[in-house]
Protein backbone atom coordinates (compact mmCIF):
# COMPACT_ATOMS: atom_id res chain seq x y z
CA MET A 1 200.50 22.76 -45.01
CA LEU A 2 201.67 19.12 -45.07
CA PHE A 3 198.37 18.12 -43.43
CA MET A 4 196.39 19.91 -46.18
CA LYS A 5 198.42 18.15 -48.90
CA LEU A 6 197.79 14.78 -47.29
CA LYS A 7 194.05 15.53 -47.12
CA TYR A 8 194.05 16.50 -50.82
CA ILE A 9 195.92 13.31 -51.82
CA LEU A 10 193.52 11.21 -49.74
CA PHE A 11 190.53 12.96 -51.37
CA ILE A 12 191.88 12.26 -54.86
CA CYS A 13 192.42 8.58 -53.96
CA VAL A 14 188.86 8.24 -52.70
CA ILE A 15 187.41 9.91 -55.83
CA THR A 16 189.53 7.64 -58.02
CA LEU A 17 188.26 4.55 -56.22
CA ILE A 18 184.56 5.46 -56.37
CA PRO A 19 183.89 4.12 -59.91
CA ILE A 20 185.49 0.83 -58.89
CA CYS A 21 183.36 0.51 -55.74
CA LEU A 22 180.10 1.34 -57.45
CA ASP A 23 180.11 -1.90 -59.44
CA ALA A 24 180.11 -5.13 -57.47
CA GLN A 25 180.64 -7.37 -60.48
CA ASN A 26 181.40 -6.97 -64.19
CA ILE A 27 180.36 -9.33 -66.97
CA LYS A 28 181.87 -8.96 -70.43
CA ILE A 29 179.57 -9.97 -73.28
CA SER A 30 180.62 -10.75 -76.86
CA LEU A 31 177.66 -11.57 -79.12
CA PRO A 32 178.41 -10.27 -82.64
CA SER A 33 175.35 -12.07 -84.04
CA GLU A 34 173.08 -9.92 -81.84
CA ALA A 35 174.63 -6.54 -82.74
CA ASN A 36 172.38 -3.45 -82.86
CA LYS A 37 169.58 -5.16 -80.90
CA GLN A 38 168.04 -3.87 -77.69
CA TYR A 39 168.86 -5.79 -74.52
CA ALA A 40 167.94 -5.87 -70.84
CA PHE A 41 169.83 -7.59 -68.02
CA ILE A 42 167.52 -8.77 -65.25
CA LEU A 43 167.90 -10.27 -61.77
CA ASN A 44 165.20 -12.54 -60.31
CA LYS A 45 163.75 -11.66 -56.92
CA GLY A 46 160.82 -13.89 -56.00
CA ILE A 47 157.92 -13.13 -58.33
CA LYS A 48 159.56 -9.83 -59.25
CA GLN A 49 162.23 -9.07 -61.83
CA ASP A 50 164.73 -6.25 -61.36
CA THR A 51 166.13 -4.71 -64.56
CA ILE A 52 169.56 -3.43 -63.66
CA GLN A 53 170.84 -2.48 -67.11
CA LYS A 54 169.43 -2.02 -70.60
CA GLY A 55 170.47 -0.51 -73.89
CA VAL A 56 171.45 -1.38 -77.45
CA ILE A 57 174.19 -3.90 -78.23
CA PRO A 58 177.00 -2.08 -80.13
CA PHE A 59 177.73 -2.98 -83.76
CA THR A 60 180.77 -4.96 -82.58
CA GLY A 61 178.57 -7.14 -80.37
CA GLY A 62 180.76 -6.39 -77.36
CA PHE A 63 179.54 -4.68 -74.17
CA GLU A 64 179.70 -4.99 -70.37
CA ILE A 65 177.12 -5.62 -67.68
CA HIS A 66 177.83 -3.91 -64.37
CA ILE A 67 176.18 -5.39 -61.28
CA PRO A 68 175.65 -2.38 -58.97
CA ALA A 69 176.89 -2.29 -55.41
CA ILE A 70 173.32 -2.42 -54.09
CA ASP A 71 173.10 -5.97 -55.51
CA SER A 72 176.60 -6.98 -54.42
CA GLY A 73 175.17 -9.78 -52.26
CA TYR A 74 173.07 -11.24 -55.06
CA VAL A 75 173.60 -14.94 -55.72
CA GLY A 76 171.24 -16.56 -58.19
CA MET A 77 169.86 -16.67 -61.70
CA ALA A 78 169.88 -13.72 -64.07
CA PHE A 79 168.91 -13.48 -67.68
CA LEU A 80 169.91 -11.39 -70.63
CA GLY A 81 166.86 -10.56 -72.72
CA ILE A 82 167.65 -9.69 -76.34
CA GLN A 83 165.23 -8.31 -78.90
CA ASN A 84 163.82 -11.06 -81.16
CA ALA A 85 166.07 -13.69 -79.60
CA GLU A 86 165.94 -16.29 -76.85
CA SER A 87 166.88 -15.04 -73.40
CA ILE A 88 170.24 -16.19 -72.09
CA ASN A 89 170.14 -17.49 -68.52
CA MET A 90 173.22 -17.28 -66.35
CA ILE A 91 174.30 -17.35 -62.73
CA VAL A 92 175.50 -14.24 -60.94
CA ASN A 93 177.70 -15.06 -57.96
CA HIS A 94 180.43 -12.43 -57.40
CA GLU A 95 182.40 -13.70 -60.42
CA ASP A 96 183.79 -11.39 -63.09
CA PHE A 97 183.49 -13.45 -66.24
CA THR A 98 183.13 -13.34 -70.03
CA LEU A 99 180.25 -14.68 -72.12
CA ARG A 100 180.96 -15.34 -75.79
CA GLN A 101 179.77 -17.47 -78.70
CA GLU A 102 181.85 -20.25 -80.18
CA ASN A 103 180.66 -22.71 -82.83
CA GLY A 104 177.04 -21.85 -82.13
CA LYS A 105 177.36 -22.43 -78.39
CA LEU A 106 177.62 -20.14 -75.40
CA VAL A 107 180.97 -20.20 -73.64
CA PHE A 108 181.62 -18.79 -70.18
CA ASP A 109 185.24 -17.95 -69.36
CA ASP A 110 186.29 -17.61 -65.70
CA SER A 111 182.92 -18.77 -64.34
CA ALA A 112 182.85 -22.11 -62.56
CA GLU A 113 179.15 -21.51 -61.87
CA ASN A 114 178.07 -21.10 -65.48
CA GLN A 115 180.46 -23.74 -66.81
CA TYR A 116 178.81 -26.21 -64.45
CA LEU A 117 175.32 -25.13 -65.50
CA TYR A 118 175.96 -25.09 -69.24
CA SER A 119 177.72 -28.44 -69.28
CA LEU A 120 174.22 -29.73 -68.49
CA MET A 121 172.22 -27.31 -70.61
CA GLN A 122 174.32 -27.49 -73.78
CA GLY A 123 176.35 -30.64 -73.48
CA GLY A 124 173.94 -32.85 -71.59
CA VAL A 125 176.87 -33.85 -69.40
CA ALA A 126 176.20 -34.12 -65.69
CA PRO A 127 179.25 -32.73 -63.88
CA LYS A 128 180.40 -34.01 -60.54
CA GLN A 129 178.16 -32.54 -57.87
CA ASP A 130 179.71 -29.57 -56.09
CA THR A 131 177.41 -28.21 -53.40
CA THR A 132 179.66 -25.15 -52.96
CA LEU A 133 178.27 -23.91 -56.28
CA TYR A 134 174.88 -22.24 -56.57
CA ALA A 135 174.60 -23.95 -59.97
CA SER A 136 174.61 -27.35 -58.31
CA ARG A 137 171.97 -26.30 -55.79
CA PHE A 138 169.91 -24.72 -58.58
CA VAL A 139 169.88 -28.04 -60.44
CA ASP A 140 168.65 -29.67 -57.23
CA MET A 141 165.86 -27.07 -57.01
CA ILE A 142 164.80 -27.89 -60.58
CA ARG A 143 164.68 -31.59 -59.66
CA PHE A 144 162.59 -30.75 -56.60
CA LEU A 145 160.18 -28.71 -58.74
CA LYS A 146 159.64 -31.74 -60.97
CA GLN A 147 158.89 -33.88 -57.90
CA LEU A 148 156.58 -31.16 -56.61
CA ASN A 149 154.62 -31.00 -59.86
CA ARG A 150 154.27 -34.76 -59.94
CA ALA A 151 153.09 -34.86 -56.33
CA SER A 152 150.65 -31.95 -56.84
CA ASP A 153 149.05 -33.66 -59.84
CA GLY A 154 149.10 -37.17 -58.39
CA ILE A 155 147.08 -39.01 -55.78
CA ASP A 156 149.93 -40.72 -53.92
CA LEU A 157 149.48 -39.36 -50.38
CA ASN A 158 152.83 -40.73 -49.21
CA GLU A 159 154.67 -38.93 -52.02
CA LYS A 160 152.82 -35.72 -51.21
CA ALA A 161 153.79 -36.01 -47.55
CA GLN A 162 157.47 -36.58 -48.40
CA VAL A 163 157.61 -33.63 -50.79
CA ARG A 164 155.79 -31.47 -48.27
CA ARG A 165 158.22 -32.37 -45.47
CA PHE A 166 161.20 -31.52 -47.66
CA ALA A 167 159.67 -28.17 -48.63
CA ILE A 168 158.87 -27.16 -45.06
CA TYR A 169 162.03 -28.37 -43.32
CA ASN A 170 164.80 -28.50 -45.95
CA LEU A 171 164.10 -26.20 -48.88
CA ASN A 172 166.35 -23.13 -48.86
CA LEU A 173 163.94 -20.22 -49.40
CA ASP A 174 166.73 -17.64 -49.45
CA GLU A 175 168.27 -19.35 -52.49
CA LEU A 176 164.92 -20.12 -54.09
CA TYR A 177 164.19 -16.37 -54.03
CA THR A 178 166.78 -15.69 -56.76
CA SER A 179 166.24 -18.92 -58.71
CA SER A 180 163.61 -17.75 -61.26
CA ILE A 181 161.31 -20.62 -60.19
CA TRP A 182 160.01 -19.03 -56.96
CA TYR A 183 156.40 -18.73 -58.13
CA ASN A 184 156.27 -22.28 -59.49
CA VAL A 185 157.58 -23.76 -56.25
CA ILE A 186 155.46 -21.68 -53.84
CA ASP A 187 152.33 -22.29 -55.92
CA GLY A 188 153.12 -26.01 -56.06
CA ILE A 189 153.64 -26.24 -52.29
CA VAL A 190 150.30 -24.56 -51.55
CA LYS A 191 148.54 -26.99 -53.91
CA LEU A 192 149.78 -29.93 -51.82
CA TYR A 193 147.36 -28.99 -49.03
CA SER A 194 143.68 -29.77 -48.76
CA ASP A 195 143.55 -28.79 -45.08
CA GLN A 196 143.82 -25.06 -44.37
CA GLN A 197 144.92 -25.53 -40.77
CA ALA A 198 147.86 -27.68 -41.88
CA LEU A 199 148.76 -25.19 -44.61
CA GLY A 200 148.75 -22.30 -42.16
CA LYS A 201 150.89 -24.08 -39.57
CA ASP A 202 153.44 -25.29 -42.13
CA MET A 203 153.76 -21.85 -43.74
CA VAL A 204 154.57 -20.42 -40.31
CA ILE A 205 157.39 -22.99 -39.95
CA LEU A 206 158.64 -22.07 -43.42
CA LEU A 207 158.58 -18.34 -42.66
CA ASN A 208 160.46 -18.84 -39.39
CA ARG A 209 163.31 -20.62 -41.21
CA ILE A 210 163.98 -17.68 -43.56
CA LYS A 211 167.09 -15.66 -42.69
CA SER A 212 166.81 -12.81 -45.20
CA GLN A 213 164.46 -9.99 -44.22
CA GLU A 214 163.76 -9.27 -47.89
CA VAL A 215 162.76 -12.88 -48.56
CA PHE A 216 160.67 -13.04 -45.36
CA GLU A 217 158.70 -9.96 -46.41
CA HIS A 218 158.26 -11.25 -49.96
CA LEU A 219 156.89 -14.64 -48.91
CA SER A 220 154.66 -12.96 -46.33
CA GLU A 221 153.17 -10.75 -49.05
CA ASN A 222 152.76 -13.74 -51.40
CA LEU A 223 150.93 -15.78 -48.75
CA ILE A 224 148.61 -12.90 -47.94
CA THR A 225 147.75 -12.58 -51.63
CA ILE A 226 147.25 -16.36 -52.06
CA THR A 227 145.05 -16.81 -48.98
CA GLU A 228 142.97 -13.75 -49.87
CA GLN A 229 142.63 -14.65 -53.55
CA PHE A 230 141.50 -18.21 -52.88
CA GLY A 231 139.46 -17.51 -49.76
CA LEU A 232 141.73 -19.54 -47.48
CA ASP A 233 140.53 -17.71 -44.37
CA ASP A 234 141.51 -20.40 -41.85
CA ALA A 235 145.08 -20.46 -43.20
CA PHE A 236 145.13 -16.64 -43.27
CA ASP A 237 144.08 -16.52 -39.61
CA ILE A 238 147.11 -18.62 -38.66
CA ILE A 239 149.73 -17.10 -40.97
CA VAL A 240 149.09 -13.37 -40.59
CA PRO A 241 149.01 -13.17 -36.76
CA SER A 242 152.29 -15.12 -36.75
CA ILE A 243 153.86 -12.62 -39.17
CA GLU A 244 152.72 -9.74 -36.98
CA GLN A 245 153.91 -11.39 -33.76
CA SER A 246 157.34 -12.11 -35.29
CA GLY A 247 158.16 -8.39 -35.06
CA ARG A 248 159.95 -8.57 -38.41
CA ILE A 249 157.46 -6.23 -40.09
CA GLN A 250 158.02 -3.11 -38.04
CA THR A 251 156.17 -0.65 -40.26
CA PRO A 252 153.41 -2.50 -42.11
CA GLN A 253 152.11 -0.67 -45.16
CA GLY A 254 149.60 -1.25 -47.94
CA ASP A 255 148.25 -4.80 -48.11
CA MET A 256 150.39 -5.85 -45.14
CA TYR A 257 148.76 -3.18 -42.96
CA ARG A 258 145.31 -4.25 -44.12
CA ALA A 259 146.14 -7.91 -43.55
CA PHE A 260 147.16 -7.17 -39.95
CA ALA A 261 143.82 -5.39 -39.46
CA LEU A 262 141.83 -8.17 -41.15
CA ALA A 263 143.54 -10.82 -39.00
CA LYS A 264 141.99 -9.20 -35.94
CA VAL A 265 138.51 -9.69 -37.46
CA ARG A 266 138.66 -13.47 -37.26
CA LYS A 267 136.33 -16.12 -35.91
CA GLY A 268 135.39 -15.59 -32.26
CA ASN A 269 136.73 -12.04 -32.08
CA GLU A 270 134.50 -9.05 -31.40
CA ALA A 271 133.99 -7.18 -34.67
CA PRO A 272 135.28 -3.58 -34.76
CA SER A 273 132.59 -0.94 -34.44
CA LEU A 274 131.48 0.75 -37.66
CA LYS A 275 131.83 4.50 -37.96
CA GLY A 276 128.50 6.08 -38.84
CA LEU A 277 126.38 3.18 -37.58
CA ALA A 278 123.34 4.47 -35.65
CA THR A 279 122.65 1.28 -33.66
CA SER A 280 125.48 -0.94 -32.45
CA PHE A 281 125.66 -4.66 -33.22
CA LYS A 282 124.69 -5.64 -29.67
CA ASP A 283 121.87 -3.12 -29.29
CA ALA A 284 120.06 -4.07 -32.51
CA GLY A 285 118.37 -7.07 -30.89
CA VAL A 286 118.90 -9.31 -33.92
CA GLN A 287 119.91 -12.96 -34.22
CA LYS A 288 122.74 -12.24 -36.66
CA THR A 289 124.29 -9.36 -38.59
CA LEU A 290 125.73 -9.59 -42.07
CA LEU A 291 128.23 -6.91 -43.08
CA MET A 292 128.96 -6.46 -46.77
CA PHE A 293 131.82 -4.28 -48.01
CA TYR A 294 131.42 -3.47 -51.68
CA ALA A 295 132.64 -1.16 -54.47
CA PRO A 296 130.18 0.51 -56.88
CA ASP A 297 132.37 -0.30 -59.90
CA CYS A 298 132.76 -3.98 -58.94
CA GLU A 299 130.67 -6.20 -61.24
CA ASN A 300 130.76 -9.19 -58.89
CA CYS A 301 129.67 -6.93 -56.01
CA HIS A 302 126.47 -6.10 -57.89
CA THR A 303 125.89 -9.78 -58.65
CA GLN A 304 126.18 -10.56 -54.93
CA LEU A 305 123.99 -7.58 -54.01
CA ASP A 306 121.26 -8.81 -56.38
CA GLN A 307 121.34 -12.18 -54.61
CA LEU A 308 121.23 -10.50 -51.21
CA ILE A 309 118.25 -8.34 -52.21
CA GLU A 310 116.42 -11.46 -53.35
CA LEU A 311 117.18 -13.24 -50.06
CA TYR A 312 116.34 -10.26 -47.85
CA PRO A 313 112.64 -11.05 -47.15
CA ASP A 314 113.62 -14.48 -45.76
CA LEU A 315 116.59 -13.03 -43.85
CA LYS A 316 114.35 -10.42 -42.26
CA LYS A 317 112.03 -13.18 -41.02
CA GLN A 318 115.10 -14.93 -39.54
CA ASN A 319 115.94 -11.68 -37.70
CA VAL A 320 119.14 -11.12 -39.70
CA ARG A 321 120.33 -7.54 -40.04
CA ILE A 322 122.06 -6.40 -43.25
CA ILE A 323 124.62 -3.59 -43.21
CA THR A 324 126.32 -2.46 -46.42
CA ILE A 325 129.51 -0.39 -46.47
CA SER A 326 130.28 1.23 -49.82
CA SER A 327 133.58 2.54 -51.16
CA ALA A 328 131.73 5.14 -53.24
CA THR A 329 133.34 8.57 -53.50
CA ASP A 330 130.35 10.30 -55.14
CA GLN A 331 126.87 10.88 -53.68
CA SER A 332 124.99 10.14 -56.93
CA GLU A 333 126.96 6.92 -57.27
CA LEU A 334 125.94 5.90 -53.74
CA ASP A 335 122.29 6.90 -54.19
CA LYS A 336 121.99 4.71 -57.29
CA ASP A 337 122.86 1.67 -55.15
CA ASN A 338 121.08 2.66 -51.96
CA ASP A 339 117.76 3.19 -53.73
CA ARG A 340 117.75 -0.52 -54.58
CA PHE A 341 118.47 -1.81 -51.08
CA PRO A 342 115.42 -2.87 -48.98
CA TRP A 343 117.24 -2.78 -45.63
CA ALA A 344 117.21 0.24 -43.30
CA ASP A 345 118.70 3.48 -44.63
CA SER A 346 120.68 3.80 -41.38
CA ASP A 347 122.45 0.56 -42.28
CA LYS A 348 123.73 1.83 -45.65
CA LEU A 349 127.13 3.31 -44.77
CA CYS A 350 129.64 5.34 -46.76
CA ASP A 351 132.19 8.02 -45.84
CA PHE A 352 133.16 8.80 -49.46
CA LYS A 353 136.82 7.98 -48.82
CA GLY A 354 136.91 4.75 -50.82
CA PHE A 355 139.22 2.02 -49.53
CA ALA A 356 140.98 4.65 -47.41
CA GLY A 357 137.87 5.06 -45.28
CA GLU A 358 138.04 4.22 -41.58
CA ASN A 359 135.70 1.22 -41.80
CA PHE A 360 137.53 -0.32 -44.75
CA ILE A 361 140.87 0.12 -42.98
CA ASN A 362 139.66 -1.20 -39.60
CA TYR A 363 138.33 -4.34 -41.27
CA GLY A 364 141.44 -4.73 -43.44
CA ILE A 365 139.45 -4.81 -46.68
CA MET A 366 141.77 -5.59 -49.59
CA ALA A 367 139.15 -6.77 -52.10
CA THR A 368 135.42 -6.59 -52.61
CA PRO A 369 132.94 -8.04 -52.06
CA SER A 370 133.81 -9.05 -48.49
CA PHE A 371 131.22 -10.42 -46.05
CA PHE A 372 131.37 -10.83 -42.27
CA LEU A 373 128.67 -12.78 -40.44
CA LEU A 374 128.33 -11.75 -36.78
CA ASP A 375 126.41 -13.35 -33.93
CA ALA A 376 123.93 -11.59 -31.64
CA ASN A 377 126.81 -10.24 -29.52
CA GLY A 378 128.72 -8.80 -32.44
CA ARG A 379 131.34 -11.54 -32.55
CA VAL A 380 132.65 -12.82 -35.88
CA ILE A 381 131.24 -16.19 -36.97
CA LYS A 382 133.06 -16.31 -40.30
CA ARG A 383 134.24 -14.31 -43.31
CA PHE A 384 132.89 -14.98 -46.79
CA ALA A 385 133.47 -13.86 -50.36
CA LEU A 386 130.14 -14.98 -51.87
CA VAL A 387 126.51 -14.91 -50.75
CA SER A 388 126.12 -18.54 -51.84
CA GLU A 389 128.73 -19.60 -49.25
CA ILE A 390 126.91 -18.07 -46.29
CA ASP A 391 124.90 -20.27 -43.96
CA PHE A 392 122.62 -18.26 -41.69
CA SER A 393 121.76 -21.27 -39.52
CA VAL A 394 122.67 -21.37 -35.82
CA ASP A 395 126.29 -22.52 -36.26
CA GLY A 396 126.76 -20.27 -39.30
CA CYS A 397 130.20 -21.66 -40.04
CA SER A 398 129.80 -23.48 -43.30
CA LYS A 399 127.39 -24.12 -46.10
CA LYS A 400 125.47 -27.37 -45.61
């Protein structure tokens, strides 16, 4: 009986403590001038923003923000967005504090972080540097961003090299992730490079320095998007295999899965076989093979196809084989395209599964049009995004 009573008391204690444990941090807000307006409280996570609380400010102007337990480890910039008003930036760093207005200024009680930050923002007073505070390190990141922008726009190679070295070997990516300036910094760093090989190698160093799994995955996804969007294939072919070999992406999905597949279809590698192809790459007896993955509803795809159709008589004389792989899901849609193509009907492929088709997945196709130029043995010479970039000469690696 005593044991049952003790169990009941313990159960009541646990239930009583649950509401306290659910919130990792509480922020009291007093903004009477913004009463009855809608608000949203948002945490920065790379290029993403996580809304953790929203509602309407009470008529008194007083309310509380509760940082949930799932974000208990968050250290970085947050902002309070208020309807028809300027957003209020603040630092979240395990502190329970109060934000209020006084004489037209924002005042933070019990927050060394925000007092430090706002002494600069509102008072223009530079406090004594305290590297134990995220606020101090955030100010340093802002200074670095200014240097980065100057170096990216300038022609001073020495300055670019210095900024690049700091970014690759000293910049704290885990803290940058929650800073609200992630995109600006990553974009600025990429712009420092004119050589894709150097970009790829340095991004691998940067990735290997990241401690947080969440930040590692986020930067990996960003770099895949950047290299794909801007056709930085040589950088892609260095970065993506390194991400895969790191073992930190155990279950790749979506674009990451496709990127891992695409990385295998790089220069010098044997191209994956195509499902539905009657004659293999090697058995066709041609000098080169050009694969084109396209989507029927892609305007640029049709522009590139028009150019390819125009070039085809010359390509046929050069013993170049054309194979098109469509993401069509409807037979009439496919026929409309195929009727225009002068190459062999057996080289017009489609499984009506769209981007989920086996060929699209095996080649890691994330966007169309995508071209692959293969040699006589079915090995990849180079990937391309435009017909105008393709050189069908013997080396086939770049436009002359």
